[in-house]
Amino acid sequence: MKTQNIAIIDYGAGNLGSVRNSFAYLGACLATESSPHKLCDYDKVILPGVGAFGDVVGLVRKSGFDEAIAKFVKSGKYMLGICVGMQLLFERSYEFGEHRGLGLLKGEIVKFGEDLRTPHIGWNQNFFASEGANLDKQKICVPPHSLLDSVPNGAYLYFVHSYYASNVDERDVLAWCKYSEPSKSHKKSEVEATRFPSIVAKDNVLGIQAHPEKSHKIGLQILQNFLSL
């Protein structure tokens, strides 16, 4: 594999250290980039994110990274959003108000229903759209993607989130997850599972709702696949 110039975006918040350590384990050295003007100098970029959507997107805009990200994506180079970083890729979020996202993917970020325990925290399975995981909704053909090479269908990843992407273009969804843990005020029998996109891709824009840096072997494989794109 040729040497790549890869950056993790530092807009003032985010899970920079753990993500950087995971890539270092794979033999990749990530630059921490706090200057939006330098973003297009890189071959690939990582958009991390933890916390509330409105706070995070506010920091991204205040630092000027919103325009830099749009320019980078337009260049055709790969970008990976992680956790809230993935949520930022969509059009808007309704977390503590309404907030405009980066608009790189169709969809909006909404909260799990009151019948479900939040946050959704822990390990959960991910089922590939290319293996038919989307067919209970509508028959959209989603081909296999290199981001999931050597990752088994139904693989477990580690999640920590209370909001998820809804009203998406299902052609952009590589993997789906279902969450059905009831809240304290509801019984298991009263809860209907919520199905949400866990891994997305549209051209060179990629996103994962789970934390690959906390997902052991499977998470590392996904990050390795990103390096190989």
C-alpha atoms as a PDB file:
ATOM      1  CA  MET A   1       0.000   0.000   0.000  1.00  0.00           C
ATOM      2  CA  LYS A   2       1.388   3.390  -0.940  1.00  0.00           C
ATOM      3  CA  THR A   3       2.048   5.919   1.784  1.00  0.00           C
ATOM      4  CA  GLN A   4      -1.034   8.072   2.285  1.00  0.00           C
ATOM      5  CA  ASN A   5      -1.374  11.517   3.741  1.00  0.00           C
ATOM      6  CA  ILE A   6      -4.356  11.195   6.094  1.00  0.00           C
ATOM      7  CA  ALA A   7      -5.795  13.710   8.541  1.00  0.00           C
ATOM      8  CA  ILE A   8      -8.231  13.604  11.406  1.00  0.00           C
ATOM      9  CA  ILE A   9     -10.119  16.889  11.595  1.00  0.00           C
ATOM     10  CA  ASP A  10      -9.613  18.808  14.827  1.00  0.00           C
ATOM     11  CA  TYR A  11     -12.430  21.351  15.148  1.00  0.00           C
ATOM     12  CA  GLY A  12     -12.116  21.589  18.914  1.00  0.00           C
ATOM     13  CA  ALA A  13     -13.894  18.409  20.038  1.00  0.00           C
ATOM     14  CA  GLY A  14     -14.182  14.741  19.159  1.00  0.00           C
ATOM     15  CA  ASN A  15     -12.674  11.351  19.888  1.00  0.00           C
ATOM     16  CA  LEU A  16      -9.318  12.181  18.306  1.00  0.00           C
ATOM     17  CA  GLY A  17      -6.995  10.167  20.520  1.00  0.00           C
ATOM     18  CA  SER A  18      -8.683   6.772  20.348  1.00  0.00           C
ATOM     19  CA  VAL A  19      -9.251   7.018  16.597  1.00  0.00           C
ATOM     20  CA  ARG A  20      -5.666   8.066  15.987  1.00  0.00           C
ATOM     21  CA  ASN A  21      -4.408   5.186  18.158  1.00  0.00           C
ATOM     22  CA  SER A  22      -6.425   2.655  16.160  1.00  0.00           C
ATOM     23  CA  PHE A  23      -4.936   3.844  12.891  1.00  0.00           C
ATOM     24  CA  ALA A  24      -1.474   3.813  14.460  1.00  0.00           C
ATOM     25  CA  TYR A  25      -2.040   0.159  15.398  1.00  0.00           C
ATOM     26  CA  LEU A  26      -2.684  -0.480  11.696  1.00  0.00           C
ATOM     27  CA  GLY A  27       0.567   1.233  10.802  1.00  0.00           C
ATOM     28  CA  ALA A  28      -0.974   4.483   9.563  1.00  0.00           C
ATOM     29  CA  CYS A  29       0.084   7.858  10.889  1.00  0.00           C
ATOM     30  CA  LEU A  30      -2.727  10.416  11.067  1.00  0.00           C
ATOM     31  CA  ALA A  31      -2.052  14.113  11.109  1.00  0.00           C
ATOM     32  CA  THR A  32      -4.249  16.177  13.410  1.00  0.00           C
ATOM     33  CA  GLU A  33      -5.435  19.051  11.234  1.00  0.00           C
ATOM     34  CA  SER A  34      -6.890  22.185  12.798  1.00  0.00           C
ATOM     35  CA  SER A  35      -6.571  24.399   9.710  1.00  0.00           C
ATOM     36  CA  PRO A  36      -9.428  24.089   7.197  1.00  0.00           C
ATOM     37  CA  HIS A  37      -7.255  25.705   4.521  1.00  0.00           C
ATOM     38  CA  LYS A  38      -4.932  22.682   4.533  1.00  0.00           C
ATOM     39  CA  LEU A  39      -7.610  19.988   4.301  1.00  0.00           C
ATOM     40  CA  CYS A  40      -7.371  19.471   0.545  1.00  0.00           C
ATOM     41  CA  ASP A  41      -3.650  18.702   0.925  1.00  0.00           C
ATOM     42  CA  TYR A  42      -4.591  15.275   2.299  1.00  0.00           C
ATOM     43  CA  ASP A  43      -5.484  12.043   0.500  1.00  0.00           C
ATOM     44  CA  LYS A  44      -8.178  11.070   3.013  1.00  0.00           C
ATOM     45  CA  VAL A  45      -9.765  12.636   6.075  1.00  0.00           C
ATOM     46  CA  ILE A  46     -11.580  11.431   9.182  1.00  0.00           C
ATOM     47  CA  LEU A  47     -14.442  13.463  10.686  1.00  0.00           C
ATOM     48  CA  PRO A  48     -14.843  12.393  14.332  1.00  0.00           C
ATOM     49  CA  GLY A  49     -17.569  13.480  16.701  1.00  0.00           C
ATOM     50  CA  VAL A  50     -18.925  13.025  20.203  1.00  0.00           C
ATOM     51  CA  GLY A  51     -21.555  15.029  22.047  1.00  0.00           C
ATOM     52  CA  ALA A  52     -24.661  16.900  20.923  1.00  0.00           C
ATOM     53  CA  PHE A  53     -25.136  17.499  17.194  1.00  0.00           C
ATOM     54  CA  GLY A  54     -25.804  21.231  17.555  1.00  0.00           C
ATOM     55  CA  ASP A  55     -22.651  21.826  19.573  1.00  0.00           C
ATOM     56  CA  VAL A  56     -20.507  19.789  17.193  1.00  0.00           C
ATOM     57  CA  VAL A  57     -21.812  21.281  13.954  1.00  0.00           C
ATOM     58  CA  GLY A  58     -21.471  24.734  15.517  1.00  0.00           C
ATOM     59  CA  LEU A  59     -17.777  24.103  16.159  1.00  0.00           C
ATOM     60  CA  VAL A  60     -17.314  22.753  12.635  1.00  0.00           C
ATOM     61  CA  ARG A  61     -18.845  25.901  11.137  1.00  0.00           C
ATOM     62  CA  LYS A  62     -17.104  28.292  13.516  1.00  0.00           C
ATOM     63  CA  SER A  63     -13.737  26.786  12.596  1.00  0.00           C
ATOM     64  CA  GLY A  64     -14.493  26.994   8.853  1.00  0.00           C
ATOM     65  CA  PHE A  65     -14.370  23.257   8.309  1.00  0.00           C
ATOM     66  CA  ASP A  66     -17.858  23.094   6.774  1.00  0.00           C
ATOM     67  CA  GLU A  67     -16.690  24.805   3.587  1.00  0.00           C
ATOM     68  CA  ALA A  68     -13.365  22.956   3.654  1.00  0.00           C
ATOM     69  CA  ILE A  69     -15.147  19.598   3.905  1.00  0.00           C
ATOM     70  CA  ALA A  70     -17.435  20.472   0.987  1.00  0.00           C
ATOM     71  CA  LYS A  71     -14.398  21.374  -1.113  1.00  0.00           C
ATOM     72  CA  PHE A  72     -12.561  18.208  -0.078  1.00  0.00           C
ATOM     73  CA  VAL A  73     -15.527  15.983  -0.949  1.00  0.00           C
ATOM     74  CA  LYS A  74     -15.911  17.714  -4.307  1.00  0.00           C
ATOM     75  CA  SER A  75     -12.306  16.746  -5.088  1.00  0.00           C
ATOM     76  CA  GLY A  76     -13.358  13.095  -5.038  1.00  0.00           C
ATOM     77  CA  LYS A  77     -11.135  12.029  -2.145  1.00  0.00           C
ATOM     78  CA  TYR A  78     -12.471   9.781   0.610  1.00  0.00           C
ATOM     79  CA  MET A  79     -13.860  11.055   3.899  1.00  0.00           C
ATOM     80  CA  LEU A  80     -15.076   8.918   6.815  1.00  0.00           C
ATOM     81  CA  GLY A  81     -17.449  10.273   9.472  1.00  0.00           C
ATOM     82  CA  ILE A  82     -17.526   8.440  12.817  1.00  0.00           C
ATOM     83  CA  CYS A  83     -20.448   8.493  15.301  1.00  0.00           C
ATOM     84  CA  VAL A  84     -21.669  12.121  15.452  1.00  0.00           C
ATOM     85  CA  GLY A  85     -19.239  12.711  12.580  1.00  0.00           C
ATOM     86  CA  MET A  86     -21.453  10.427  10.504  1.00  0.00           C
ATOM     87  CA  GLN A  87     -24.592  12.235  11.656  1.00  0.00           C
ATOM     88  CA  LEU A  88     -23.136  15.562  10.498  1.00  0.00           C
ATOM     89  CA  LEU A  89     -23.105  14.218   6.937  1.00  0.00           C
ATOM     90  CA  PHE A  90     -26.914  14.403   6.768  1.00  0.00           C
ATOM     91  CA  GLU A  91     -29.205  17.354   6.097  1.00  0.00           C
ATOM     92  CA  ARG A  92     -30.409  18.216   9.607  1.00  0.00           C
ATOM     93  CA  SER A  93     -30.781  17.035  13.179  1.00  0.00           C
ATOM     94  CA  TYR A  94     -33.540  17.443  15.746  1.00  0.00           C
ATOM     95  CA  GLU A  95     -31.318  16.961  18.795  1.00  0.00           C
ATOM     96  CA  PHE A  96     -32.180  19.771  21.251  1.00  0.00           C
ATOM     97  CA  GLY A  97     -33.767  21.891  18.523  1.00  0.00           C
ATOM     98  CA  GLU A  98     -33.283  21.854  14.776  1.00  0.00           C
ATOM     99  CA  HIS A  99     -29.785  22.133  13.342  1.00  0.00           C
ATOM    100  CA  ARG A 100     -28.567  22.148   9.752  1.00  0.00           C
ATOM    101  CA  GLY A 101     -26.056  19.456   8.864  1.00  0.00           C
ATOM    102  CA  LEU A 102     -23.475  19.332   6.094  1.00  0.00           C
ATOM    103  CA  GLY A 103     -26.049  18.026   3.594  1.00  0.00           C
ATOM    104  CA  LEU A 104     -23.749  15.486   1.942  1.00  0.00           C
ATOM    105  CA  LEU A 105     -26.306  12.701   2.413  1.00  0.00           C
ATOM    106  CA  LYS A 106     -30.109  12.720   2.318  1.00  0.00           C
ATOM    107  CA  GLY A 107     -31.738  12.243   5.702  1.00  0.00           C
ATOM    108  CA  GLU A 108     -32.256  13.672   9.155  1.00  0.00           C
ATOM    109  CA  ILE A 109     -31.156  12.781  12.657  1.00  0.00           C
ATOM    110  CA  VAL A 110     -33.943  11.912  15.110  1.00  0.00           C
ATOM    111  CA  LYS A 111     -34.157  10.468  18.618  1.00  0.00           C
ATOM    112  CA  PHE A 112     -35.077   6.896  19.459  1.00  0.00           C
ATOM    113  CA  GLY A 113     -38.651   6.585  20.719  1.00  0.00           C
ATOM    114  CA  GLU A 114     -39.556   7.007  24.382  1.00  0.00           C
ATOM    115  CA  ASP A 115     -40.245   3.272  24.610  1.00  0.00           C
ATOM    116  CA  LEU A 116     -36.551   2.548  24.019  1.00  0.00           C
ATOM    117  CA  ARG A 117     -33.755   2.944  26.538  1.00  0.00           C
ATOM    118  CA  THR A 118     -31.314   5.694  25.624  1.00  0.00           C
ATOM    119  CA  PRO A 119     -28.542   5.903  24.946  1.00  0.00           C
ATOM    120  CA  HIS A 120     -28.228   2.795  22.803  1.00  0.00           C
ATOM    121  CA  ILE A 121     -24.965   1.642  24.326  1.00  0.00           C
ATOM    122  CA  GLY A 122     -23.082  -1.600  23.771  1.00  0.00           C
ATOM    123  CA  TRP A 123     -22.597  -4.217  21.081  1.00  0.00           C
ATOM    124  CA  ASN A 124     -25.113  -4.768  18.304  1.00  0.00           C
ATOM    125  CA  GLN A 125     -25.270  -6.614  15.007  1.00  0.00           C
ATOM    126  CA  ASN A 126     -24.946  -5.002  11.591  1.00  0.00           C
ATOM    127  CA  PHE A 127     -26.616  -6.559   8.574  1.00  0.00           C
ATOM    128  CA  PHE A 128     -25.502  -5.740   5.057  1.00  0.00           C
ATOM    129  CA  ALA A 129     -27.838  -4.211   2.498  1.00  0.00           C
ATOM    130  CA  SER A 130     -25.979  -6.198  -0.182  1.00  0.00           C
ATOM    131  CA  GLU A 131     -27.153  -9.375   1.594  1.00  0.00           C
ATOM    132  CA  GLY A 132     -30.790  -8.280   1.567  1.00  0.00           C
ATOM    133  CA  ALA A 133     -31.033  -6.437   4.899  1.00  0.00           C
ATOM    134  CA  ASN A 134     -33.030  -3.663   3.228  1.00  0.00           C
ATOM    135  CA  LEU A 135     -35.625  -5.882   1.571  1.00  0.00           C
ATOM    136  CA  ASP A 136     -38.158  -5.623   4.402  1.00  0.00           C
ATOM    137  CA  LYS A 137     -38.591  -1.976   3.395  1.00  0.00           C
ATOM    138  CA  GLN A 138     -38.136  -1.735  -0.350  1.00  0.00           C
ATOM    139  CA  LYS A 139     -36.300  -3.706  -3.002  1.00  0.00           C
ATOM    140  CA  ILE A 140     -33.251  -1.560  -3.622  1.00  0.00           C
ATOM    141  CA  CYS A 141     -30.140  -3.244  -4.927  1.00  0.00           C
ATOM    142  CA  VAL A 142     -27.076  -2.146  -2.952  1.00  0.00           C
ATOM    143  CA  PRO A 143     -23.873  -3.769  -4.248  1.00  0.00           C
ATOM    144  CA  PRO A 144     -21.107  -4.956  -1.891  1.00  0.00           C
ATOM    145  CA  HIS A 145     -18.711  -2.209  -0.827  1.00  0.00           C
ATOM    146  CA  SER A 146     -14.965  -2.462  -0.240  1.00  0.00           C
ATOM    147  CA  LEU A 147     -15.389  -0.775   3.158  1.00  0.00           C
ATOM    148  CA  LEU A 148     -16.880  -4.077   4.346  1.00  0.00           C
ATOM    149  CA  ASP A 149     -14.339  -6.461   2.811  1.00  0.00           C
ATOM    150  CA  SER A 150     -13.563  -9.382   5.176  1.00  0.00           C
ATOM    151  CA  VAL A 151     -16.302  -8.200   7.562  1.00  0.00           C
ATOM    152  CA  PRO A 152     -18.957 -10.890   8.136  1.00  0.00           C
ATOM    153  CA  ASN A 153     -22.613 -10.082   7.666  1.00  0.00           C
ATOM    154  CA  GLY A 154     -24.137  -9.728  11.132  1.00  0.00           C
ATOM    155  CA  ALA A 155     -20.879  -8.545  12.699  1.00  0.00           C
ATOM    156  CA  TYR A 156     -21.066  -6.820  16.070  1.00  0.00           C
ATOM    157  CA  LEU A 157     -19.918  -3.215  16.533  1.00  0.00           C
ATOM    158  CA  TYR A 158     -19.909  -0.992  19.615  1.00  0.00           C
ATOM    159  CA  PHE A 159     -22.470   1.844  19.768  1.00  0.00           C
ATOM    160  CA  VAL A 160     -23.076   4.836  22.023  1.00  0.00           C
ATOM    161  CA  HIS A 161     -25.863   7.109  20.727  1.00  0.00           C
ATOM    162  CA  SER A 162     -29.410   8.311  21.367  1.00  0.00           C
ATOM    163  CA  TYR A 163     -30.123   9.664  17.869  1.00  0.00           C
ATOM    164  CA  TYR A 164     -30.034   7.971  14.476  1.00  0.00           C
ATOM    165  CA  ALA A 165     -30.380   8.728  10.775  1.00  0.00           C
ATOM    166  CA  SER A 166     -33.936   8.577   9.417  1.00  0.00           C
ATOM    167  CA  ASN A 167     -35.646   9.270   6.070  1.00  0.00           C
ATOM    168  CA  VAL A 168     -32.440   8.360   4.271  1.00  0.00           C
ATOM    169  CA  ASP A 169     -31.865   7.327   0.673  1.00  0.00           C
ATOM    170  CA  GLU A 170     -31.576   3.566   1.156  1.00  0.00           C
ATOM    171  CA  ARG A 171     -29.170   3.370  -1.773  1.00  0.00           C
ATOM    172  CA  ASP A 172     -26.652   5.087   0.528  1.00  0.00           C
ATOM    173  CA  VAL A 173     -26.953   2.470   3.283  1.00  0.00           C
ATOM    174  CA  LEU A 174     -24.372  -0.324   3.439  1.00  0.00           C
ATOM    175  CA  ALA A 175     -25.515  -1.842   6.745  1.00  0.00           C
ATOM    176  CA  TRP A 176     -28.523  -1.727   9.041  1.00  0.00           C
ATOM    177  CA  CYS A 177     -28.908  -2.280  12.767  1.00  0.00           C
ATOM    178  CA  LYS A 178     -31.971  -2.907  14.937  1.00  0.00           C
ATOM    179  CA  TYR A 179     -32.382  -1.630  18.472  1.00  0.00           C
ATOM    180  CA  SER A 180     -35.123  -2.861  20.801  1.00  0.00           C
ATOM    181  CA  GLU A 181     -33.969  -2.453  24.420  1.00  0.00           C
ATOM    182  CA  PRO A 182     -37.017  -1.174  26.346  1.00  0.00           C
ATOM    183  CA  SER A 183     -36.970   1.836  28.627  1.00  0.00           C
ATOM    184  CA  LYS A 184     -37.666   1.356  32.334  1.00  0.00           C
ATOM    185  CA  SER A 185     -41.327   2.239  31.805  1.00  0.00           C
ATOM    186  CA  HIS A 186     -41.911  -0.320  29.050  1.00  0.00           C
ATOM    187  CA  LYS A 187     -41.893  -4.101  28.773  1.00  0.00           C
ATOM    188  CA  LYS A 188     -39.991  -5.940  26.057  1.00  0.00           C
ATOM    189  CA  SER A 189     -43.296  -7.096  24.567  1.00  0.00           C
ATOM    190  CA  GLU A 190     -44.454  -3.475  24.227  1.00  0.00           C
ATOM    191  CA  VAL A 191     -41.450  -2.342  22.201  1.00  0.00           C
ATOM    192  CA  GLU A 192     -41.089  -2.376  18.433  1.00  0.00           C
ATOM    193  CA  ALA A 193     -37.497  -2.519  17.224  1.00  0.00           C
ATOM    194  CA  THR A 194     -36.142   0.583  15.490  1.00  0.00           C
ATOM    195  CA  ARG A 195     -34.149  -0.128  12.356  1.00  0.00           C
ATOM    196  CA  PHE A 196     -31.449   2.409  11.548  1.00  0.00           C
ATOM    197  CA  PRO A 197     -28.514   2.861   9.146  1.00  0.00           C
ATOM    198  CA  SER A 198     -25.260   1.891  10.839  1.00  0.00           C
ATOM    199  CA  ILE A 199     -22.840   2.230   7.904  1.00  0.00           C
ATOM    200  CA  VAL A 200     -23.388   4.532   4.921  1.00  0.00           C
ATOM    201  CA  ALA A 201     -21.612   5.423   1.708  1.00  0.00           C
ATOM    202  CA  LYS A 202     -22.292   7.708  -1.214  1.00  0.00           C
ATOM    203  CA  ASP A 203     -19.441   7.920  -3.696  1.00  0.00           C
ATOM    204  CA  ASN A 204     -16.454   9.127  -1.641  1.00  0.00           C
ATOM    205  CA  VAL A 205     -18.475  10.053   1.471  1.00  0.00           C
ATOM    206  CA  LEU A 206     -18.518   7.282   4.093  1.00  0.00           C
ATOM    207  CA  GLY A 207     -19.925   7.092   7.595  1.00  0.00           C
ATOM    208  CA  ILE A 208     -20.240   4.696  10.514  1.00  0.00           C
ATOM    209  CA  GLN A 209     -22.575   5.258  13.466  1.00  0.00           C
ATOM    210  CA  ALA A 210     -20.715   2.825  15.711  1.00  0.00           C
ATOM    211  CA  HIS A 211     -17.256   3.404  17.146  1.00  0.00           C
ATOM    212  CA  PRO A 212     -14.842   1.312  15.059  1.00  0.00           C
ATOM    213  CA  GLU A 213     -11.997   2.354  17.356  1.00  0.00           C
ATOM    214  CA  LYS A 214     -13.841   0.580  20.214  1.00  0.00           C
ATOM    215  CA  SER A 215     -15.052  -2.392  18.171  1.00  0.00           C
ATOM    216  CA  HIS A 216     -11.977  -4.600  18.404  1.00  0.00           C
ATOM    217  CA  LYS A 217     -11.109  -6.813  15.417  1.00  0.00           C
ATOM    218  CA  ILE A 218     -14.131  -5.905  13.281  1.00  0.00           C
ATOM    219  CA  GLY A 219     -13.675  -2.185  13.835  1.00  0.00           C
ATOM    220  CA  LEU A 220     -10.004  -2.406  12.920  1.00  0.00           C
ATOM    221  CA  GLN A 221     -10.899  -4.303   9.755  1.00  0.00           C
ATOM    222  CA  ILE A 222     -13.255  -1.514   8.684  1.00  0.00           C
ATOM    223  CA  LEU A 223     -10.556   1.086   9.318  1.00  0.00           C
ATOM    224  CA  GLN A 224      -8.065  -1.050   7.391  1.00  0.00           C
ATOM    225  CA  ASN A 225     -10.520  -1.216   4.500  1.00  0.00           C
ATOM    226  CA  PHE A 226     -10.808   2.573   4.558  1.00  0.00           C
ATOM    227  CA  LEU A 227      -7.033   2.800   4.257  1.00  0.00           C
ATOM    228  CA  SER A 228      -7.178   0.435   1.283  1.00  0.00           C
ATOM    229  CA  LEU A 229      -9.754   2.418  -0.711  1.00  0.00           C
END
